Protein backbone atom coordinates (compact mmCIF):
# COMPACT_ATOMS: atom_id res chain seq x y z
CA MET A 1 -9.18 -9.73 -0.03
CA PRO A 2 -5.94 -11.83 -1.99
CA LYS A 3 -7.42 -14.41 -3.72
CA ILE A 4 -4.84 -17.58 -5.10
CA LYS A 5 -5.09 -20.47 -6.73
CA ILE A 6 -2.49 -23.29 -6.15
CA ASP A 7 -1.52 -26.97 -6.60
CA LYS A 8 -3.24 -28.89 -4.04
CA THR A 9 -0.62 -31.70 -4.50
CA THR A 10 2.62 -29.34 -4.24
CA LEU A 11 1.24 -27.97 -0.93
CA TYR A 12 0.57 -30.91 0.78
CA GLN A 13 4.19 -32.23 -0.48
CA LEU A 14 5.58 -28.96 0.80
CA MET A 15 4.20 -29.17 3.69
CA ASP A 16 4.53 -33.06 4.69
CA PHE A 17 0.96 -33.12 4.87
CA GLN A 18 -0.89 -36.42 5.40
CA GLY A 19 -4.53 -35.08 6.37
CA ASN A 20 -7.46 -34.52 4.40
CA LEU A 21 -9.25 -31.18 3.23
CA GLU A 22 -10.97 -30.78 6.21
CA GLN A 23 -7.68 -31.00 8.61
CA LEU A 24 -6.05 -28.20 6.52
CA GLN A 25 -8.77 -25.74 6.70
CA ASN A 26 -8.75 -26.23 10.46
CA LEU A 27 -4.77 -25.28 9.86
CA ALA A 28 -5.49 -22.39 7.10
CA TRP A 29 -6.67 -20.05 9.88
CA SER A 30 -3.96 -19.66 11.76
CA ALA A 31 -2.58 -17.97 8.14
CA LYS A 32 -6.22 -16.24 8.31
CA ALA A 33 -7.08 -18.20 5.03
CA GLU A 34 -10.40 -20.14 3.99
CA ILE A 35 -10.33 -22.73 1.51
CA SER A 36 -12.23 -23.64 -1.39
CA GLY A 37 -12.39 -26.85 -2.75
CA SER A 38 -12.61 -30.44 -2.39
CA GLU A 39 -10.73 -33.63 -2.11
CA GLN A 40 -11.17 -34.53 -5.69
CA ASP A 41 -10.04 -31.12 -7.10
CA GLU A 42 -6.38 -30.69 -8.33
CA GLU A 43 -6.22 -27.15 -7.57
CA ILE A 44 -7.56 -25.26 -4.64
CA THR A 45 -8.66 -21.72 -3.95
CA ILE A 46 -7.29 -19.45 -1.16
CA ASP A 47 -9.33 -16.73 0.25
CA PHE A 48 -7.16 -14.68 2.48
CA ALA A 49 -8.63 -12.06 5.19
CA ASP A 50 -5.40 -9.87 5.17
CA THR A 51 -3.94 -8.26 2.70
CA ASN A 52 -1.08 -7.29 4.59
CA ARG A 53 1.00 -10.59 4.08
CA PRO A 54 2.17 -10.68 0.82
CA ASP A 55 4.39 -13.82 2.12
CA LEU A 56 1.29 -15.63 1.79
CA TRP A 57 0.53 -15.37 -1.79
CA SER A 58 1.66 -18.40 -2.54
CA VAL A 59 1.84 -22.20 -2.46
CA GLU A 60 5.43 -22.14 -0.98
CA GLY A 61 4.25 -19.07 1.53
CA LEU A 62 1.33 -20.78 2.53
CA SER A 63 2.97 -24.16 3.08
CA ARG A 64 5.94 -22.16 4.89
CA GLN A 65 3.45 -20.38 7.66
CA LEU A 66 1.35 -23.50 8.25
CA LYS A 67 4.02 -25.81 8.50
CA ILE A 68 6.08 -23.46 11.03
CA PHE A 69 2.38 -23.60 12.89
CA GLN A 70 2.49 -27.26 12.66
CA GLN A 71 6.16 -27.81 14.05
CA GLY A 72 6.03 -24.97 16.37
CA LYS A 73 9.35 -23.37 15.66
CA GLU A 74 10.74 -21.59 12.51
CA ILE A 75 12.18 -22.64 9.51
CA LEU A 76 15.99 -22.06 9.13
CA TYR A 77 17.04 -20.73 5.88
CA PRO A 78 21.10 -20.98 5.74
CA CYS A 79 21.02 -19.25 2.06
CA LEU A 80 20.03 -15.39 3.90
CA GLU A 81 23.70 -16.28 5.73
CA LYS A 82 25.80 -16.42 2.78
CA ALA A 83 28.73 -13.92 1.23
CA PRO A 84 27.00 -12.73 -1.76
CA SER A 85 28.77 -13.52 -4.95
CA PRO A 86 31.88 -11.80 -5.70
CA GLU A 87 31.48 -11.36 -9.19
CA ALA A 88 27.71 -11.10 -9.93
CA LYS A 89 27.09 -7.47 -8.86
CA VAL A 90 24.52 -4.68 -9.74
CA PHE A 91 25.65 -1.07 -9.84
CA VAL A 92 23.20 1.30 -9.67
CA ASP A 93 23.69 4.59 -11.38
CA SER A 94 22.74 8.30 -9.84
CA SER A 95 20.45 8.80 -12.79
CA VAL A 96 17.63 6.66 -11.28
CA THR A 97 17.59 8.25 -8.22
CA ASN A 98 14.73 10.65 -8.79
CA ILE A 99 12.90 7.81 -11.13
CA ARG A 100 13.10 4.79 -9.23
CA PRO A 101 16.12 4.62 -7.39
CA TYR A 102 15.88 0.60 -5.89
CA ILE A 103 16.95 -2.52 -6.98
CA GLY A 104 17.80 -5.69 -6.00
CA MET A 105 19.05 -9.18 -7.22
CA PHE A 106 19.81 -12.41 -6.36
CA LEU A 107 21.03 -15.58 -8.73
CA CYS A 108 19.32 -18.88 -8.01
CA LYS A 109 20.40 -23.11 -9.38
CA LEU A 110 17.20 -25.23 -9.05
CA PRO A 111 15.57 -28.05 -10.54
CA PRO A 112 14.80 -27.34 -14.29
CA ILE A 113 11.79 -25.42 -14.20
CA THR A 114 8.42 -27.49 -15.32
CA GLU A 115 4.76 -26.06 -16.61
CA LYS A 116 3.61 -26.18 -13.55
CA SER A 117 6.32 -24.18 -11.77
CA LEU A 118 6.88 -21.69 -14.28
CA LYS A 119 2.89 -21.13 -14.22
CA ASN A 120 3.47 -20.59 -10.27
CA LEU A 121 6.50 -18.58 -10.01
CA ILE A 122 4.75 -16.24 -12.85
CA GLN A 123 1.54 -16.28 -10.87
CA THR A 124 3.50 -15.04 -7.47
CA GLN A 125 5.55 -12.56 -9.58
CA GLU A 126 1.96 -10.89 -10.90
CA LYS A 127 0.25 -11.10 -7.42
CA LEU A 128 3.46 -9.48 -5.62
CA ALA A 129 3.89 -6.86 -8.23
CA GLU A 130 0.08 -5.90 -9.21
CA ASN A 131 -1.66 -6.06 -5.37
CA TYR A 132 1.84 -5.25 -3.25
CA GLY A 133 3.26 -3.09 -5.91
CA LYS A 134 0.08 -1.55 -6.69
CA ARG A 135 0.36 -2.29 -10.38
CA ARG A 136 4.48 -2.33 -10.42
CA LYS A 137 3.93 1.56 -9.20
CA LEU A 138 6.23 0.82 -6.13
CA VAL A 139 7.86 -2.09 -6.43
CA SER A 140 7.90 -4.87 -9.70
CA ILE A 141 9.89 -8.29 -10.36
CA GLY A 142 12.31 -9.02 -13.62
CA ILE A 143 13.00 -12.86 -13.77
CA TYR A 144 15.79 -14.19 -16.07
CA PRO A 145 17.66 -17.12 -17.69
CA ALA A 146 20.98 -16.24 -15.73
CA GLU A 147 23.68 -17.67 -18.38
CA LYS A 148 22.10 -15.56 -20.97
CA ILE A 149 23.88 -12.24 -18.63
CA ASN A 150 27.16 -11.10 -18.06
CA PHE A 151 27.94 -9.67 -14.90
CA PRO A 152 28.30 -7.24 -13.14
CA VAL A 153 24.84 -6.15 -14.00
CA HIS A 154 24.09 -2.00 -14.40
CA TYR A 155 21.06 -0.07 -13.61
CA ARG A 156 20.80 2.87 -15.21
CA ALA A 157 18.43 6.20 -16.72
CA VAL A 158 18.93 6.71 -20.31
CA GLU A 159 16.55 8.65 -23.02
CA SER A 160 13.72 7.11 -24.89
CA ASP A 161 15.18 6.48 -27.87
CA GLN A 162 18.74 5.86 -26.79
CA MET A 163 18.22 1.78 -26.64
CA LYS A 164 16.49 -0.38 -28.74
CA PHE A 165 15.71 -4.37 -27.71
CA VAL A 166 13.03 -6.45 -28.90
CA PRO A 167 10.67 -6.89 -25.96
CA LEU A 168 8.86 -9.74 -24.74
CA GLY A 169 5.69 -10.61 -26.86
CA GLY A 170 7.22 -8.33 -29.71
CA GLU A 171 8.81 -9.75 -32.91
CA GLN A 172 11.21 -6.71 -33.72
CA PRO A 173 13.67 -4.14 -31.73
CA MET A 174 11.65 -0.92 -30.46
CA THR A 175 12.93 2.24 -28.74
CA LEU A 176 12.01 2.41 -24.74
CA GLY A 177 9.50 5.57 -26.39
CA GLU A 178 8.01 2.88 -28.66
CA ILE A 179 7.32 0.27 -26.21
CA ILE A 180 5.86 2.68 -24.11
CA GLU A 181 3.26 4.52 -26.81
CA LYS A 182 2.68 0.32 -28.84
CA HIS A 183 3.21 -2.24 -26.90
CA PRO A 184 0.38 -3.67 -24.79
CA LYS A 185 2.68 -4.00 -21.71
CA GLY A 186 4.21 -0.45 -22.42
CA ILE A 187 0.45 1.39 -22.78
CA GLU A 188 -0.89 -0.31 -19.69
CA TYR A 189 1.81 0.57 -17.69
CA ALA A 190 2.94 3.68 -18.54
CA TYR A 191 1.60 5.74 -15.65
CA THR A 192 4.46 4.27 -13.22
CA LEU A 193 7.22 6.65 -14.94
CA GLN A 194 4.58 9.37 -15.59
CA ASP A 195 6.71 12.83 -16.16
CA ALA A 196 10.03 10.97 -16.28
CA LYS A 197 12.05 12.54 -18.38
CA LEU A 198 14.32 9.72 -18.53
CA PHE A 199 13.52 5.80 -18.53
CA PRO A 200 15.01 2.97 -15.91
CA VAL A 201 16.88 0.05 -17.78
CA ILE A 202 18.97 -3.03 -16.34
CA ILE A 203 21.68 -3.75 -18.83
CA ASP A 204 24.33 -6.34 -18.42
CA ASP A 205 28.29 -5.99 -18.39
CA GLN A 206 28.23 -5.83 -22.46
CA GLY A 207 25.64 -3.59 -22.80
CA GLN A 208 23.28 -6.25 -23.74
CA PRO A 209 19.53 -4.74 -22.36
CA LEU A 210 17.56 -7.26 -19.82
CA SER A 211 14.89 -4.62 -18.89
CA PHE A 212 13.03 -1.56 -19.03
CA ALA A 213 12.15 -1.82 -15.86
CA PRO A 214 9.00 -1.81 -14.58
CA ILE A 215 7.36 -2.48 -18.06
CA ILE A 216 8.63 -5.20 -20.21
CA ASN A 217 11.99 -7.51 -19.97
CA SER A 218 14.04 -8.36 -23.18
CA ARG A 219 12.49 -11.38 -25.42
CA ILE A 220 16.63 -12.30 -26.60
CA THR A 221 17.70 -12.02 -22.38
CA GLY A 222 14.76 -12.13 -20.01
CA GLU A 223 12.55 -14.96 -21.38
CA VAL A 224 12.80 -17.52 -18.68
CA THR A 225 10.99 -20.97 -20.52
CA VAL A 226 10.39 -24.48 -18.85
CA GLY A 227 14.03 -26.49 -18.82
CA ASP A 228 16.09 -23.50 -17.39
CA SER A 229 17.44 -24.72 -14.06
CA TYR A 230 19.50 -20.99 -13.23
CA ILE A 231 17.82 -17.99 -13.12
CA ALA A 232 18.23 -14.56 -11.83
CA VAL A 233 15.61 -12.33 -10.13
CA GLU A 234 15.69 -8.63 -9.69
CA ALA A 235 12.77 -5.80 -8.07
CA THR A 236 13.35 -2.63 -8.90
CA GLY A 237 10.92 0.08 -6.70
CA MET A 238 10.60 3.20 -5.11
CA THR A 239 11.11 1.61 -1.10
CA LYS A 240 14.11 -0.07 -0.58
CA LYS A 241 11.99 -1.80 2.28
CA MET A 242 9.78 -3.26 -0.41
CA VAL A 243 12.60 -4.16 -2.37
CA ASP A 244 13.81 -6.24 -0.05
CA LEU A 245 10.67 -7.71 1.25
CA VAL A 246 9.71 -9.36 -2.15
CA LEU A 247 13.41 -10.37 -2.90
CA VAL A 248 12.90 -12.33 0.45
CA ILE A 249 9.57 -13.86 -0.49
CA LEU A 250 10.56 -15.08 -3.76
CA ALA A 251 14.41 -16.36 -2.43
CA LEU A 252 12.20 -18.31 0.09
CA ASN A 253 9.82 -19.54 -2.22
CA LEU A 254 12.51 -21.09 -4.73
CA THR A 255 14.50 -22.28 -1.65
CA ASP A 256 11.39 -24.55 -0.69
CA GLN A 257 11.19 -25.50 -4.25
CA GLY A 258 14.83 -26.97 -4.48
CA GLY A 259 16.23 -23.95 -5.33
CA GLU A 260 20.15 -22.68 -4.06
CA ILE A 261 20.17 -18.95 -4.13
CA THR A 262 23.43 -16.90 -4.51
CA ARG A 263 23.41 -13.59 -2.89
CA MET A 264 24.03 -10.21 -4.72
CA GLU A 265 25.63 -7.04 -3.91
CA VAL A 266 24.05 -3.78 -4.54
CA ILE A 267 26.48 -1.07 -5.27
CA ALA A 268 24.47 2.17 -4.52
CA PRO A 269 25.94 6.08 -6.50
CA HIS A 270 26.92 7.30 -2.92
CA GLY A 271 29.14 4.48 -2.52
CA LYS A 272 26.91 2.02 -0.17
CA SER A 273 26.47 -1.78 -0.38
CA PHE A 274 23.58 -3.49 0.41
CA VAL A 275 22.66 -7.21 -0.34
CA HIS A 276 19.96 -9.47 -1.48
CA PRO A 277 18.36 -11.25 -0.14
CA VAL A 278 18.76 -9.71 3.39
CA SER A 279 18.81 -11.17 6.67
CA GLU A 280 18.41 -8.47 8.90
CA ARG A 281 15.41 -8.94 11.25
CA GLU A 282 13.87 -6.40 13.49
CA GLU A 283 13.07 -6.60 17.00
CA ILE A 284 10.21 -6.04 18.80
CA SER A 285 8.57 -6.53 22.33
CA VAL A 286 5.55 -7.79 24.35
CA TYR A 287 4.75 -6.62 27.69
CA VAL A 288 3.33 -9.79 29.38
CA PRO A 289 0.71 -7.65 31.62
CA HIS A 290 -0.47 -6.35 28.68
CA ALA A 291 -0.97 -9.70 27.16
CA HIS A 292 -2.58 -10.44 30.45
CA SER A 293 -5.01 -7.09 29.65
CA LEU A 294 -5.90 -7.68 26.01
CA LEU A 295 -6.35 -11.38 25.95
CA GLY A 296 -7.90 -11.68 29.10
CA GLN A 297 -5.88 -14.52 30.61
CA GLU A 298 -3.56 -13.90 33.51
CA ASP A 299 -2.02 -17.34 33.47
CA LEU A 300 -0.21 -16.66 30.26
CA GLY A 301 3.39 -16.96 31.45
CA ILE A 302 6.97 -16.27 29.82
CA GLU A 303 7.45 -20.27 28.48
CA ILE A 304 3.90 -20.11 27.18
CA ILE A 305 3.96 -17.05 25.16
CA SER A 306 6.97 -17.45 24.34
CA SER A 307 6.18 -20.97 22.83
CA SER A 308 3.23 -19.10 20.92
CA LEU A 309 5.35 -16.84 19.61
CA LYS A 310 8.10 -19.18 18.08
CA LYS A 311 4.74 -21.12 16.92
CA MET A 312 3.85 -17.85 14.50
CA GLY A 313 7.87 -18.12 13.15
CA TYR A 314 9.52 -15.55 15.79
CA ARG A 315 12.55 -16.23 17.11
CA ILE A 316 12.82 -15.34 20.95
CA SER A 317 16.64 -13.07 21.37
CA ARG A 318 15.63 -12.27 25.19
CA SER A 319 13.35 -12.39 28.32
CA THR A 320 12.96 -10.44 31.54
CA PRO A 321 9.99 -11.79 34.19
CA ASN A 322 7.67 -8.97 32.65
CA GLU A 323 8.88 -9.07 28.86
CA ILE A 324 9.75 -11.02 26.07
CA PHE A 325 11.86 -9.49 22.86
CA ALA A 326 11.63 -11.83 19.96
CA GLN A 327 12.94 -10.76 16.33
CA ILE A 328 10.46 -10.32 13.53
CA PRO A 329 10.27 -13.31 10.94
CA ILE A 330 12.08 -12.10 7.98
CA PHE A 331 9.34 -12.36 5.60
CA ARG A 332 6.79 -10.66 7.59
CA GLN A 333 6.40 -6.84 7.12
CA ASP A 334 2.50 -6.62 9.15
CA VAL A 335 4.34 -6.46 12.69
CA MET A 336 4.59 -2.82 13.66
CA HIS A 337 3.10 -2.73 16.92
CA GLU A 338 3.14 -4.94 20.47
CA VAL A 339 -0.38 -5.24 20.08
CA ASP A 340 0.40 -7.60 16.36
CA LEU A 341 2.45 -9.87 18.72
CA ILE A 342 -0.70 -10.14 21.08
CA GLU A 343 -2.59 -10.95 18.35
CA ASP A 344 -0.20 -13.51 17.00
CA ILE A 345 -0.09 -15.50 20.52
CA ALA A 346 -4.04 -15.63 20.40
CA ILE A 347 -4.05 -17.10 16.99
CA ALA A 348 -1.53 -19.75 18.27
CA LEU A 349 -3.07 -20.15 21.29
CA GLU A 350 -6.66 -20.43 18.81
CA TYR A 351 -9.44 -17.97 20.20
CA ASN A 352 -11.82 -20.97 20.73
CA GLU A 353 -9.88 -22.14 23.29
CA PHE A 354 -10.17 -19.09 25.19
CA SER A 355 -12.70 -18.91 28.66
CA PRO A 356 -15.11 -16.31 28.02
CA LEU A 357 -15.58 -13.70 30.97
CA PRO A 358 -19.27 -11.82 31.93
CA LEU A 359 -20.20 -8.76 31.92
CA GLU A 360 -19.22 -6.61 34.80
CA GLU A 361 -21.17 -3.67 33.04
CA TYR A 362 -24.13 -2.69 31.44
CA THR A 363 -24.15 0.49 29.03
CA SER A 364 -26.68 1.73 26.63
CA GLY A 365 -24.62 3.26 23.61
CA GLY A 366 -25.34 5.78 21.03
CA LEU A 367 -24.08 8.14 18.52
CA SER A 368 -21.55 10.89 19.72
CA PRO A 369 -22.29 14.51 18.94
CA THR A 370 -19.65 14.82 16.64
CA GLN A 371 -21.18 11.94 14.79
CA ARG A 372 -24.90 13.19 15.11
CA ARG A 373 -23.67 16.39 13.44
CA ALA A 374 -21.69 14.87 10.46
CA ASN A 375 -24.52 12.80 9.62
CA THR A 376 -27.12 15.88 9.85
CA LEU A 377 -24.80 17.10 7.10
CA ARG A 378 -24.41 13.80 5.48
CA GLN A 379 -28.30 13.51 4.94
CA ILE A 380 -28.99 17.20 3.66
CA SER A 381 -25.99 16.37 1.26
CA ILE A 382 -27.46 13.19 -0.42
CA GLY A 383 -30.69 14.69 -0.16
CA LEU A 384 -29.50 17.09 -2.64
CA GLY A 385 -27.76 14.66 -5.25
CA PHE A 386 -24.22 13.93 -3.70
CA VAL A 387 -22.91 10.64 -3.59
CA GLU A 388 -20.71 10.33 -0.49
CA PHE A 389 -17.24 9.44 -0.56
CA MET A 390 -15.33 7.78 2.24
CA GLY A 391 -11.49 8.65 1.99
CA ASN A 392 -8.37 7.57 4.19
CA MET A 393 -7.06 10.10 6.83
CA LEU A 394 -3.18 9.16 5.66
CA THR A 395 -2.52 10.52 2.04
CA SER A 396 0.18 11.33 -0.43
CA LYS A 397 1.65 14.87 0.27
CA GLU A 398 2.48 14.67 -3.29
CA THR A 399 -1.19 14.57 -4.10
CA LEU A 400 -1.71 17.16 -1.57
CA GLU A 401 0.71 19.99 -2.31
CA LEU A 402 0.19 19.08 -6.40
CA ILE A 403 -3.81 19.98 -5.70
CA THR A 404 -3.44 23.00 -3.12
CA GLN A 405 -0.14 24.33 -5.10
CA ASN A 406 1.79 23.87 -1.56
CA ILE A 407 -0.44 25.80 0.84
CA SER A 408 -1.00 22.32 2.67
CA ASN A 409 0.96 21.66 5.68
CA PRO A 410 -0.15 18.11 7.06
CA VAL A 411 1.49 16.42 9.62
CA GLU A 412 4.07 13.68 8.02
CA ILE A 413 5.27 10.20 8.84
CA ASP A 414 8.46 9.27 9.59
CA ASN A 415 9.05 6.31 7.96
CA PRO A 416 5.98 5.65 5.81
CA MET A 417 5.61 1.97 4.30
CA THR A 418 4.47 3.46 0.72
CA LYS A 419 4.84 7.32 -0.69
CA LEU A 420 0.77 7.18 -0.78
CA TYR A 421 0.35 7.38 2.77
CA ASN A 422 2.78 9.26 4.13
CA CYS A 423 0.89 11.91 5.77
CA LEU A 424 -2.21 13.35 7.49
CA ARG A 425 -4.68 14.86 5.48
CA ASP A 426 -4.88 18.76 6.44
CA TYR A 427 -7.88 19.43 3.40
CA LEU A 428 -10.66 17.13 2.17
CA PHE A 429 -11.18 18.43 -0.85
CA PRO A 430 -7.75 17.16 -2.73
CA GLY A 431 -9.46 13.30 -2.10
CA LEU A 432 -12.48 14.61 -4.56
CA VAL A 433 -10.28 15.81 -6.87
CA ASP A 434 -7.83 12.77 -6.96
CA VAL A 435 -11.38 11.01 -7.21
CA GLU A 436 -12.31 12.84 -10.17
CA ALA A 437 -9.07 12.61 -11.91
CA HIS A 438 -9.29 8.63 -11.39
CA ASN A 439 -13.11 8.85 -12.42
CA SER A 440 -12.82 11.43 -15.73
CA LYS A 441 -14.58 8.72 -18.13
CA ALA A 442 -17.75 7.64 -15.98
CA GLU A 443 -21.07 9.27 -16.75
CA TYR A 444 -21.56 12.85 -16.02
CA PRO A 445 -22.39 15.40 -14.20
CA HIS A 446 -20.14 14.15 -10.81
CA TYR A 447 -22.10 15.41 -7.73
CA ILE A 448 -19.63 13.67 -4.79
CA PHE A 449 -18.76 14.71 -1.16
CA GLU A 450 -17.07 13.98 1.93
CA VAL A 451 -17.87 14.50 5.51
CA GLY A 452 -14.88 13.34 7.62
CA GLU A 453 -11.93 14.43 10.39
CA VAL A 454 -8.58 16.31 9.16
CA ASN A 455 -5.49 16.83 11.40
CA LYS A 456 -4.40 20.57 11.10
CA LYS A 457 -0.81 21.58 12.26
CA TYR A 458 -0.01 24.62 14.03
CA ILE A 459 2.89 26.47 15.70
CA ASN A 460 2.92 27.80 19.16
CA ASP A 461 5.70 29.57 20.46
CA GLN A 462 7.70 27.30 19.06
CA LEU A 463 6.21 24.58 19.39
CA VAL A 464 3.95 22.34 16.69
CA GLU A 465 0.41 21.76 17.90
CA THR A 466 -2.22 19.45 15.90
CA GLU A 467 -5.57 18.88 16.08
CA THR A 468 -8.09 16.62 14.86
CA LEU A 469 -11.06 18.89 13.11
CA LEU A 470 -14.36 17.42 11.11
CA SER A 471 -14.92 19.36 8.19
CA ALA A 472 -17.05 18.73 4.77
CA ALA A 473 -16.02 19.01 0.97
CA TYR A 474 -17.89 19.40 -1.66
CA LEU A 475 -16.97 18.77 -5.84
CA ILE A 476 -19.34 19.27 -9.16
CA ALA A 477 -18.08 18.78 -12.35
CA ASN A 478 -19.98 19.03 -15.66
CA PRO A 479 -19.38 21.12 -18.64
CA GLU A 480 -21.82 23.89 -16.73
CA ALA A 481 -20.15 23.46 -13.33
CA THR A 482 -19.70 27.34 -12.28
CA PHE A 483 -19.25 29.33 -8.81
CA SER A 484 -22.92 29.87 -8.56
CA GLN A 485 -23.71 26.37 -9.20
CA MET A 486 -21.87 25.76 -5.86
CA HIS A 487 -22.86 28.84 -4.31
CA SER A 488 -26.41 27.28 -4.56
CA VAL A 489 -25.27 24.17 -2.89
CA LEU A 490 -24.31 26.15 -0.16
CA SER A 491 -27.16 28.78 0.01
CA THR A 492 -29.62 25.13 0.19
CA ILE A 493 -27.45 23.74 2.90
CA PHE A 494 -27.58 26.54 5.20
CA SER A 495 -31.39 27.13 4.65
CA TYR A 496 -31.59 23.69 5.90
CA LEU A 497 -29.47 24.64 9.30
CA SER A 498 -31.27 28.04 9.45
CA LEU A 499 -28.22 30.18 9.04
CA ASP A 500 -27.00 32.98 7.26
CA PHE A 501 -23.51 33.72 5.62
CA ASN A 502 -21.35 35.84 3.52
CA LEU A 503 -18.89 35.73 1.07
CA ARG A 504 -15.83 37.40 0.57
CA GLU A 505 -13.68 37.14 -2.20
CA LEU A 506 -10.42 35.91 -1.79
CA GLU A 507 -7.29 34.72 -4.19
CA ILE A 508 -6.43 30.84 -3.36
CA PRO A 509 -3.71 29.35 -5.90
CA PHE A 510 -5.38 26.27 -7.09
CA LEU A 511 -9.09 28.17 -7.74
CA ILE A 512 -9.35 31.16 -10.69
CA SER A 513 -8.98 34.23 -9.59
CA GLY A 514 -12.16 36.15 -8.99
CA ARG A 515 -14.06 32.83 -9.27
CA SER A 516 -13.40 31.81 -5.39
CA ALA A 517 -14.39 33.23 -2.19
CA GLU A 518 -14.05 32.89 1.77
CA ILE A 519 -17.38 31.86 3.27
CA LEU A 520 -18.12 33.95 6.81
CA VAL A 521 -20.94 32.85 9.03
CA THR A 522 -21.43 35.14 12.01
CA ASP A 523 -21.55 33.49 15.80
CA GLN A 524 -25.25 34.13 16.94
CA THR A 525 -24.79 34.06 20.58
CA SER A 526 -21.24 36.72 20.48
CA GLY A 527 -22.02 38.17 17.20
CA LYS A 528 -18.37 37.91 15.66
CA SER A 529 -18.46 36.44 12.53
CA PHE A 530 -15.38 33.84 11.46
CA SER A 531 -13.91 31.94 8.45
CA LEU A 532 -16.12 28.58 7.98
CA GLY A 533 -14.38 27.35 4.75
CA PHE A 534 -14.27 28.49 0.89
CA LEU A 535 -15.54 27.88 -2.26
CA GLY A 536 -14.65 28.06 -6.17
CA GLU A 537 -13.52 26.95 -9.44
CA VAL A 538 -10.67 24.79 -9.60
CA HIS A 539 -8.06 26.51 -11.87
CA PRO A 540 -7.00 24.81 -15.28
CA ARG A 541 -3.54 24.23 -14.77
CA ILE A 542 -4.35 22.05 -12.10
CA LEU A 543 -7.51 20.46 -14.41
CA ASP A 544 -4.99 19.45 -17.09
CA LYS A 545 -2.02 18.17 -14.85
CA LEU A 546 -4.63 15.62 -13.37
CA GLY A 547 -5.96 14.90 -16.71
CA ILE A 548 -9.43 16.13 -15.53
CA HIS A 549 -11.46 17.13 -18.75
CA MET A 550 -14.73 19.17 -17.05
CA PRO A 551 -14.88 22.16 -15.58
CA THR A 552 -14.62 21.07 -11.72
CA VAL A 553 -16.25 23.73 -8.64
CA ILE A 554 -14.95 22.84 -5.20
CA MET A 555 -16.14 24.17 -1.69
CA GLU A 556 -14.59 23.26 1.74
CA LEU A 557 -16.59 23.89 4.98
CA GLU A 558 -13.56 23.86 7.94
CA ASN A 559 -14.22 22.42 11.37
CA ILE A 560 -18.11 22.22 10.92
CA GLU A 561 -18.17 21.52 14.89
CA ASN A 562 -18.13 25.53 15.11
CA LEU A 563 -20.68 25.54 12.51
CA PHE A 564 -23.09 23.27 14.77
CA THR A 565 -22.26 25.04 17.91
CA THR A 566 -23.68 28.13 16.35
CA ILE A 567 -26.69 26.53 15.89
CA GLY A 568 -26.91 24.21 18.22
CA ASP A 569 -27.57 19.91 17.70
CA LEU A 570 -29.56 19.33 15.58
CA ASP A 571 -31.83 15.69 15.63
CA GLU A 572 -30.34 13.04 12.88
CA GLY A 573 -33.66 13.10 10.98
């Protein structure tokens, strides 16, 4: 969970807070935060219970949320409504479209930067880029002394040897290729531009380099120091929504510190323009009876619900007797559903003030048949020496396509927050292969498995249907990993289940030809055989692309409900 250290005096000043640390903690729960420290400490530690509120990961963000809660209404930021600068623009070249397509930027005049404020700014920048931006892969941030920039700014992609500049922390000019190979930041973040033939750079109107995004700024034009009072802030990333959010957060933070924001216009390759920081707010509604039902409070009227939402920073647009429409705070990206509003209503009303309701029914719980079957297979697998991995149902389509060689046909999400989670998995084994790719330095041999749900998509009479199935997948990686080794694992599992199986040679694109097979099982009731899955050795070309240096063999048992239907339920033990 996110954790930050902040200056206590600064927090108190930004909030106009006159209380003590205990009283502050009583407020902090409204941001799902826990404070560690004492009255004597200059710095206090904040632990957040949620990972989906990057706006809180700074002293300004936390103070903003707590101040809104205290005063019971949103804080207005006129800077978000101002017209953009007519001269300071960003022109985006089409060469970055398939590399790192989005950029945003704004200017800020502020009181001279002190050591404390610079430390705070850098901490916020790093928290947003490292945590929210997934180590700069999805979004990164650059901060520059604005007086050194000749506007407008240009964002384009160039060859690795086409540009040379002195990077931060360096003494001599380096090409982009040299930065990737030799500079500590280049080595650390080279993976963000993996397989890129061109590298994204930000330059000013005189061709002066500002940054090699998302790796490192120029030492000449990209180093903010104590005493600077006019800065430019930019963000580049893989999605516009993430770029928009981090720029809004930073703009509001700097405004809270006395800064004056100048918005900048971005001219995209297709001619469309965007202004940052953005000012558009999304609207969402809550149905009053739903709030009553979920909270167990029938006496919540329109006025109480509206004032509760205002206390959490929402702007009420309109209402009917049974529904309230509210605009989501511009700095929040975690509100996606009516239930999120109802949770915020509960926080504003304070959970402890709710009257508990007595239980009306008494029932005994237990594991579902599906879970019992899954646990049976888990126990067998652990007994065979495998370590269990538990992946997400949501995954990356790009990863599925790479590992399955395009045989995967997942259900895609229409508006994903990130490319890492843009579809529902329809196989388990790609997750195991991806785990292996990220653990190639761990001591061998590797034996991992997963029992979990997958989502299969079918087309029936031109209608798309989906079905959630329980599957199991296995991976072995070591110098002696072979088809025969996984075959032995399959035989042992079926021996425990008192079942027989047959193998039929099957050509699968991601497995080595002649070392892959389909698993066939005979239904003991009908006598008919059915396919339960496949096993085989992963093709070297897949291993090479993923950086896996050991022979790897996989197996997937699909829809294992069919397997247990064949033999009947087994007890967990």
